[in-house]
Amino acid sequence: MGVQEMPRHVRFRHVRVQVIFMYRCMLCKKDFEMDDNTIRCPYCGYRIISKTRAEFRKHVKA
């Protein structure tokens, strides 16, 4: 016998994945994780940071 038809919200479970964002200081160019809500580089104390992009690259057949 096949799988019974069930509502979609019952068949699939939502899995929460904790994503760790990496940030980069614009002055000393070091990467770090921001654990608490302080917007400051832990190495030099500079307050201008940017979020780094993921290293994932998708190859597309042209």
N, C-alpha and C. Protein backbone atom coordinates (compact mmCIF):
# COMPACT_ATOMS: atom_id res chain seq x y z
N MET A 1 0.82 -1.17 0.00
CA MET A 1 0.00 0.00 0.00
C MET A 1 0.87 1.24 0.00
N GLY A 2 0.41 2.31 -0.62
CA GLY A 2 1.16 3.56 -0.71
C GLY A 2 1.03 4.39 0.55
N VAL A 3 1.65 5.52 0.51
CA VAL A 3 1.60 6.44 1.63
C VAL A 3 0.24 7.12 1.63
N GLN A 4 -0.35 7.20 2.80
CA GLN A 4 -1.65 7.86 2.90
C GLN A 4 -1.50 9.34 2.62
N GLU A 5 -2.54 9.91 2.02
CA GLU A 5 -2.53 11.34 1.78
C GLU A 5 -2.79 12.06 3.09
N MET A 6 -1.81 12.83 3.51
CA MET A 6 -1.92 13.57 4.75
C MET A 6 -1.68 15.04 4.44
N PRO A 7 -2.18 15.92 5.27
CA PRO A 7 -1.89 17.35 5.06
C PRO A 7 -0.38 17.59 5.06
N ARG A 8 0.02 18.58 4.30
CA ARG A 8 1.45 18.84 4.12
C ARG A 8 2.14 19.20 5.44
N HIS A 9 1.45 19.92 6.32
CA HIS A 9 2.08 20.32 7.57
C HIS A 9 2.31 19.14 8.51
N VAL A 10 1.64 18.04 8.26
CA VAL A 10 1.83 16.86 9.09
C VAL A 10 2.97 16.00 8.53
N ARG A 11 3.08 15.95 7.21
CA ARG A 11 4.11 15.10 6.59
C ARG A 11 5.52 15.63 6.80
N PHE A 12 5.69 16.92 6.73
CA PHE A 12 7.02 17.50 6.80
C PHE A 12 7.20 18.22 8.12
N ARG A 13 8.32 17.98 8.73
CA ARG A 13 8.64 18.66 9.97
C ARG A 13 9.53 19.84 9.67
N HIS A 14 9.34 20.90 10.41
CA HIS A 14 10.18 22.08 10.26
C HIS A 14 11.41 21.89 11.13
N VAL A 15 12.56 21.97 10.53
CA VAL A 15 13.81 21.81 11.25
C VAL A 15 14.48 23.17 11.32
N ARG A 16 14.77 23.60 12.53
CA ARG A 16 15.46 24.88 12.70
C ARG A 16 16.95 24.63 12.73
N VAL A 17 17.64 25.32 11.89
CA VAL A 17 19.08 25.20 11.81
C VAL A 17 19.69 26.50 12.31
N GLN A 18 20.62 26.39 13.24
CA GLN A 18 21.26 27.59 13.75
C GLN A 18 22.35 28.00 12.77
N VAL A 19 22.21 29.19 12.24
CA VAL A 19 23.16 29.69 11.26
C VAL A 19 24.09 30.66 11.98
N ILE A 20 25.38 30.47 11.77
CA ILE A 20 26.35 31.35 12.37
C ILE A 20 26.79 32.35 11.31
N PHE A 21 26.57 33.63 11.58
CA PHE A 21 26.96 34.66 10.65
C PHE A 21 28.36 35.14 10.98
N MET A 22 29.14 35.33 9.96
CA MET A 22 30.48 35.85 10.14
C MET A 22 30.47 37.32 9.74
N TYR A 23 31.18 38.11 10.49
CA TYR A 23 31.29 39.53 10.24
C TYR A 23 32.75 39.89 10.01
N ARG A 24 33.00 40.98 9.31
CA ARG A 24 34.36 41.43 9.02
C ARG A 24 34.48 42.89 9.42
N CYS A 25 35.56 43.18 10.14
CA CYS A 25 35.84 44.56 10.53
C CYS A 25 36.37 45.31 9.32
N MET A 26 35.92 46.54 9.14
CA MET A 26 36.35 47.32 7.99
C MET A 26 37.71 47.98 8.20
N LEU A 27 38.21 47.99 9.43
CA LEU A 27 39.51 48.61 9.71
C LEU A 27 40.63 47.58 9.69
N CYS A 28 40.50 46.52 10.49
CA CYS A 28 41.59 45.53 10.57
C CYS A 28 41.36 44.33 9.66
N LYS A 29 40.19 44.22 9.01
CA LYS A 29 39.86 43.16 8.04
C LYS A 29 39.88 41.76 8.62
N LYS A 30 39.62 41.62 9.92
CA LYS A 30 39.57 40.30 10.55
C LYS A 30 38.13 39.82 10.63
N ASP A 31 37.93 38.51 10.46
CA ASP A 31 36.60 37.91 10.54
C ASP A 31 36.34 37.46 11.97
N PHE A 32 35.08 37.60 12.40
CA PHE A 32 34.70 37.17 13.74
C PHE A 32 33.22 36.89 13.78
N GLU A 33 32.80 36.14 14.80
CA GLU A 33 31.39 35.88 15.06
C GLU A 33 30.92 36.85 16.12
N MET A 34 29.69 37.31 15.99
CA MET A 34 29.15 38.25 16.96
C MET A 34 28.17 37.49 17.85
N ASP A 35 28.59 37.15 19.06
CA ASP A 35 27.75 36.36 19.96
C ASP A 35 26.68 37.22 20.63
N ASP A 36 27.07 38.35 21.16
CA ASP A 36 26.10 39.21 21.82
C ASP A 36 25.74 40.37 20.90
N ASN A 37 25.00 41.30 21.38
CA ASN A 37 24.49 42.38 20.52
C ASN A 37 25.40 43.60 20.48
N THR A 38 26.66 43.46 20.85
CA THR A 38 27.57 44.59 20.77
C THR A 38 28.11 44.70 19.35
N ILE A 39 27.95 45.87 18.76
CA ILE A 39 28.40 46.08 17.39
C ILE A 39 29.78 46.71 17.47
N ARG A 40 30.76 45.85 17.66
CA ARG A 40 32.13 46.33 17.83
C ARG A 40 33.08 45.17 17.52
N CYS A 41 34.18 45.49 16.86
CA CYS A 41 35.19 44.48 16.56
C CYS A 41 35.89 44.07 17.86
N PRO A 42 35.99 42.77 18.13
CA PRO A 42 36.65 42.35 19.38
C PRO A 42 38.17 42.55 19.34
N TYR A 43 38.75 42.77 18.18
CA TYR A 43 40.20 42.91 18.06
C TYR A 43 40.65 44.36 18.20
N CYS A 44 39.98 45.28 17.46
CA CYS A 44 40.44 46.67 17.47
C CYS A 44 39.42 47.64 18.04
N GLY A 45 38.17 47.22 18.24
CA GLY A 45 37.16 48.09 18.81
C GLY A 45 36.45 48.98 17.81
N TYR A 46 36.72 48.81 16.53
CA TYR A 46 36.10 49.61 15.48
C TYR A 46 34.62 49.25 15.38
N ARG A 47 33.77 50.22 15.08
CA ARG A 47 32.33 49.98 15.10
C ARG A 47 31.71 49.80 13.72
N ILE A 48 32.48 49.83 12.67
CA ILE A 48 31.93 49.63 11.33
C ILE A 48 32.30 48.22 10.88
N ILE A 49 31.26 47.38 10.76
CA ILE A 49 31.48 45.98 10.37
C ILE A 49 30.56 45.65 9.21
N SER A 50 30.89 44.58 8.50
CA SER A 50 30.03 44.12 7.41
C SER A 50 29.84 42.63 7.54
N LYS A 51 28.72 42.16 7.02
CA LYS A 51 28.43 40.72 7.05
C LYS A 51 29.09 40.07 5.85
N THR A 52 29.86 39.00 6.07
CA THR A 52 30.54 38.34 4.96
C THR A 52 29.57 37.44 4.22
N ARG A 53 29.86 37.21 2.98
CA ARG A 53 29.03 36.32 2.17
C ARG A 53 29.45 34.88 2.41
N ALA A 54 28.54 33.96 2.12
CA ALA A 54 28.83 32.54 2.26
C ALA A 54 29.81 32.11 1.17
N GLU A 55 30.54 31.05 1.44
CA GLU A 55 31.52 30.56 0.49
C GLU A 55 30.89 29.67 -0.58
N PHE A 56 29.57 29.53 -0.57
CA PHE A 56 28.88 28.67 -1.51
C PHE A 56 28.91 29.29 -2.91
N ARG A 57 29.34 28.51 -3.88
CA ARG A 57 29.33 28.95 -5.27
C ARG A 57 28.58 27.92 -6.09
N LYS A 58 27.72 28.40 -6.94
CA LYS A 58 26.92 27.51 -7.77
C LYS A 58 27.46 27.55 -9.19
N HIS A 59 27.75 26.39 -9.73
CA HIS A 59 28.24 26.28 -11.10
C HIS A 59 27.05 26.05 -12.02
N VAL A 60 26.95 26.88 -13.04
CA VAL A 60 25.84 26.80 -13.98
C VAL A 60 26.39 26.44 -15.35
N LYS A 61 25.78 25.48 -15.98
CA LYS A 61 26.19 25.06 -17.32
C LYS A 61 25.72 26.09 -18.31
N ALA A 62 26.64 26.66 -19.06
CA ALA A 62 26.28 27.73 -19.99
C ALA A 62 25.99 27.18 -21.37
